[in-house]
Amino acid sequence: MLLRRMREEGIAGKELSQTMYDVFQDDIEQRVYAEGVTVRAGKLLPALEQSFYGSAVRSLSQLILVVGN
């Protein structure tokens, strides 16, 4: 939700949002490799990204239903 909100704040918000997401992705990738997952990791990482975005969209949708716009 924070990343979405930041993107609404113009260029600086979009850039910071993208940087935060990139750091998140790099951290996930490092953790996956640190656990010894090297086979098919290239396919695993996009699946993790989809899961992240899916969770974010569902959470935001539920929040809008509860709190309103």
N, C-alpha and C. Protein backbone atom coordinates (compact mmCIF):
# COMPACT_ATOMS: atom_id res chain seq x y z
N MET A 1 0.82 -1.18 0.00
CA MET A 1 0.00 0.00 0.00
C MET A 1 0.87 1.25 0.00
N LEU A 2 1.97 1.17 0.73
CA LEU A 2 2.88 2.31 0.76
C LEU A 2 3.44 2.59 -0.63
N LEU A 3 3.85 1.54 -1.34
CA LEU A 3 4.41 1.73 -2.67
C LEU A 3 3.38 2.37 -3.60
N ARG A 4 2.15 1.95 -3.51
CA ARG A 4 1.09 2.53 -4.35
C ARG A 4 0.90 4.00 -4.01
N ARG A 5 0.85 4.30 -2.73
CA ARG A 5 0.65 5.68 -2.29
C ARG A 5 1.80 6.57 -2.74
N MET A 6 3.01 6.06 -2.66
CA MET A 6 4.17 6.84 -3.06
C MET A 6 4.13 7.16 -4.55
N ARG A 7 3.64 6.24 -5.35
CA ARG A 7 3.59 6.45 -6.80
C ARG A 7 2.65 7.59 -7.17
N GLU A 8 1.73 7.92 -6.30
CA GLU A 8 0.79 9.01 -6.55
C GLU A 8 1.42 10.38 -6.27
N GLU A 9 2.63 10.39 -5.74
CA GLU A 9 3.27 11.65 -5.33
C GLU A 9 4.24 12.19 -6.38
N GLY A 10 3.99 11.92 -7.62
CA GLY A 10 4.83 12.48 -8.68
C GLY A 10 6.08 11.67 -8.96
N ILE A 11 6.97 12.29 -9.71
CA ILE A 11 8.19 11.62 -10.15
C ILE A 11 9.03 11.12 -8.98
N ALA A 12 9.27 11.96 -7.98
CA ALA A 12 10.10 11.57 -6.84
C ALA A 12 9.49 10.36 -6.11
N GLY A 13 8.18 10.37 -5.94
CA GLY A 13 7.51 9.24 -5.30
C GLY A 13 7.62 7.97 -6.11
N LYS A 14 7.46 8.09 -7.42
CA LYS A 14 7.59 6.92 -8.29
C LYS A 14 9.00 6.35 -8.24
N GLU A 15 9.99 7.22 -8.26
CA GLU A 15 11.38 6.76 -8.22
C GLU A 15 11.70 6.08 -6.90
N LEU A 16 11.25 6.66 -5.79
CA LEU A 16 11.50 6.06 -4.48
C LEU A 16 10.76 4.73 -4.36
N SER A 17 9.53 4.68 -4.84
CA SER A 17 8.76 3.45 -4.82
C SER A 17 9.48 2.35 -5.60
N GLN A 18 9.99 2.69 -6.77
CA GLN A 18 10.70 1.72 -7.60
C GLN A 18 11.98 1.25 -6.91
N THR A 19 12.70 2.19 -6.29
CA THR A 19 13.93 1.83 -5.57
C THR A 19 13.63 0.87 -4.42
N MET A 20 12.57 1.17 -3.67
CA MET A 20 12.20 0.28 -2.56
C MET A 20 11.84 -1.11 -3.07
N TYR A 21 11.10 -1.17 -4.17
CA TYR A 21 10.73 -2.46 -4.73
C TYR A 21 11.97 -3.20 -5.22
N ASP A 22 12.89 -2.50 -5.87
CA ASP A 22 14.11 -3.13 -6.37
C ASP A 22 14.94 -3.71 -5.23
N VAL A 23 15.03 -2.97 -4.13
CA VAL A 23 15.76 -3.46 -2.95
C VAL A 23 15.08 -4.71 -2.40
N PHE A 24 13.76 -4.68 -2.34
CA PHE A 24 12.98 -5.85 -1.89
C PHE A 24 13.28 -7.06 -2.77
N GLN A 25 13.24 -6.87 -4.09
CA GLN A 25 13.50 -7.97 -5.02
C GLN A 25 14.92 -8.50 -4.87
N ASP A 26 15.89 -7.60 -4.74
CA ASP A 26 17.28 -8.03 -4.55
C ASP A 26 17.43 -8.85 -3.28
N ASP A 27 16.76 -8.41 -2.21
CA ASP A 27 16.83 -9.13 -0.94
C ASP A 27 16.23 -10.53 -1.08
N ILE A 28 15.09 -10.63 -1.75
CA ILE A 28 14.47 -11.94 -1.96
C ILE A 28 15.40 -12.84 -2.74
N GLU A 29 15.98 -12.30 -3.80
CA GLU A 29 16.89 -13.08 -4.64
C GLU A 29 18.08 -13.58 -3.83
N GLN A 30 18.66 -12.72 -3.02
CA GLN A 30 19.80 -13.12 -2.20
C GLN A 30 19.41 -14.19 -1.20
N ARG A 31 18.23 -14.06 -0.61
CA ARG A 31 17.77 -15.06 0.36
C ARG A 31 17.53 -16.42 -0.29
N VAL A 32 16.96 -16.39 -1.48
CA VAL A 32 16.71 -17.65 -2.21
C VAL A 32 18.03 -18.34 -2.50
N TYR A 33 19.00 -17.60 -3.01
CA TYR A 33 20.30 -18.19 -3.32
C TYR A 33 21.04 -18.61 -2.06
N ALA A 34 20.90 -17.85 -0.97
CA ALA A 34 21.55 -18.21 0.29
C ALA A 34 21.03 -19.52 0.85
N GLU A 35 19.78 -19.84 0.54
CA GLU A 35 19.20 -21.11 0.99
C GLU A 35 19.61 -22.26 0.09
N GLY A 36 20.39 -21.95 -0.92
CA GLY A 36 20.90 -23.01 -1.79
C GLY A 36 20.03 -23.32 -2.99
N VAL A 37 19.03 -22.51 -3.23
CA VAL A 37 18.16 -22.73 -4.37
C VAL A 37 18.82 -22.09 -5.59
N THR A 38 19.35 -22.92 -6.46
CA THR A 38 19.96 -22.40 -7.68
C THR A 38 19.29 -22.96 -8.92
N VAL A 39 18.74 -24.15 -8.77
CA VAL A 39 18.05 -24.78 -9.90
C VAL A 39 16.68 -24.16 -10.04
N ARG A 40 16.38 -23.68 -11.22
CA ARG A 40 15.08 -23.09 -11.54
C ARG A 40 14.77 -21.82 -10.75
N ALA A 41 15.78 -21.21 -10.15
CA ALA A 41 15.54 -19.98 -9.38
C ALA A 41 15.02 -18.88 -10.29
N GLY A 42 15.44 -18.89 -11.53
CA GLY A 42 14.96 -17.89 -12.48
C GLY A 42 13.46 -17.96 -12.67
N LYS A 43 12.88 -19.15 -12.54
CA LYS A 43 11.43 -19.30 -12.66
C LYS A 43 10.74 -19.03 -11.33
N LEU A 44 11.44 -19.26 -10.24
CA LEU A 44 10.87 -19.06 -8.91
C LEU A 44 10.68 -17.57 -8.62
N LEU A 45 11.65 -16.76 -8.99
CA LEU A 45 11.60 -15.34 -8.65
C LEU A 45 10.41 -14.62 -9.28
N PRO A 46 10.09 -14.83 -10.56
CA PRO A 46 8.88 -14.18 -11.09
C PRO A 46 7.60 -14.65 -10.38
N ALA A 47 7.57 -15.90 -9.95
CA ALA A 47 6.41 -16.39 -9.21
C ALA A 47 6.29 -15.68 -7.87
N LEU A 48 7.42 -15.44 -7.21
CA LEU A 48 7.40 -14.70 -5.95
C LEU A 48 6.93 -13.26 -6.18
N GLU A 49 7.36 -12.67 -7.30
CA GLU A 49 6.93 -11.31 -7.62
C GLU A 49 5.43 -11.25 -7.85
N GLN A 50 4.90 -12.22 -8.56
CA GLN A 50 3.44 -12.27 -8.80
C GLN A 50 2.70 -12.42 -7.48
N SER A 51 3.23 -13.25 -6.61
CA SER A 51 2.61 -13.45 -5.30
C SER A 51 2.60 -12.14 -4.51
N PHE A 52 3.70 -11.42 -4.55
CA PHE A 52 3.81 -10.14 -3.86
C PHE A 52 2.75 -9.17 -4.37
N TYR A 53 2.68 -9.01 -5.68
CA TYR A 53 1.70 -8.07 -6.25
C TYR A 53 0.26 -8.53 -6.00
N GLY A 54 0.02 -9.83 -6.08
CA GLY A 54 -1.32 -10.34 -5.82
C GLY A 54 -1.75 -10.04 -4.40
N SER A 55 -0.85 -10.24 -3.45
CA SER A 55 -1.16 -9.95 -2.05
C SER A 55 -1.40 -8.47 -1.84
N ALA A 56 -0.59 -7.64 -2.48
CA ALA A 56 -0.74 -6.20 -2.34
C ALA A 56 -2.09 -5.73 -2.88
N VAL A 57 -2.48 -6.24 -4.03
CA VAL A 57 -3.76 -5.84 -4.63
C VAL A 57 -4.92 -6.31 -3.78
N ARG A 58 -4.87 -7.55 -3.29
CA ARG A 58 -5.95 -8.06 -2.44
C ARG A 58 -6.06 -7.26 -1.15
N SER A 59 -4.92 -6.94 -0.53
CA SER A 59 -4.94 -6.18 0.72
C SER A 59 -5.54 -4.80 0.50
N LEU A 60 -5.13 -4.16 -0.57
CA LEU A 60 -5.66 -2.83 -0.86
C LEU A 60 -7.15 -2.89 -1.15
N SER A 61 -7.59 -3.87 -1.89
CA SER A 61 -9.02 -4.03 -2.19
C SER A 61 -9.83 -4.20 -0.92
N GLN A 62 -9.34 -5.02 -0.01
CA GLN A 62 -10.05 -5.24 1.25
C GLN A 62 -10.08 -3.97 2.09
N LEU A 63 -8.97 -3.25 2.12
CA LEU A 63 -8.92 -2.02 2.88
C LEU A 63 -9.91 -1.00 2.34
N ILE A 64 -10.00 -0.89 1.04
CA ILE A 64 -10.95 0.04 0.43
C ILE A 64 -12.38 -0.35 0.78
N LEU A 65 -12.67 -1.65 0.81
CA LEU A 65 -14.01 -2.09 1.18
C LEU A 65 -14.35 -1.73 2.63
N VAL A 66 -13.37 -1.88 3.50
CA VAL A 66 -13.60 -1.64 4.92
C VAL A 66 -13.62 -0.15 5.25
N VAL A 67 -12.63 0.58 4.73
CA VAL A 67 -12.46 1.98 5.09
C VAL A 67 -13.17 2.90 4.11
N GLY A 68 -13.24 2.50 2.88
CA GLY A 68 -13.79 3.36 1.83
C GLY A 68 -12.68 4.06 1.10
N ASN A 69 -13.03 4.85 0.14
CA ASN A 69 -12.01 5.56 -0.66
C ASN A 69 -11.29 6.52 0.21
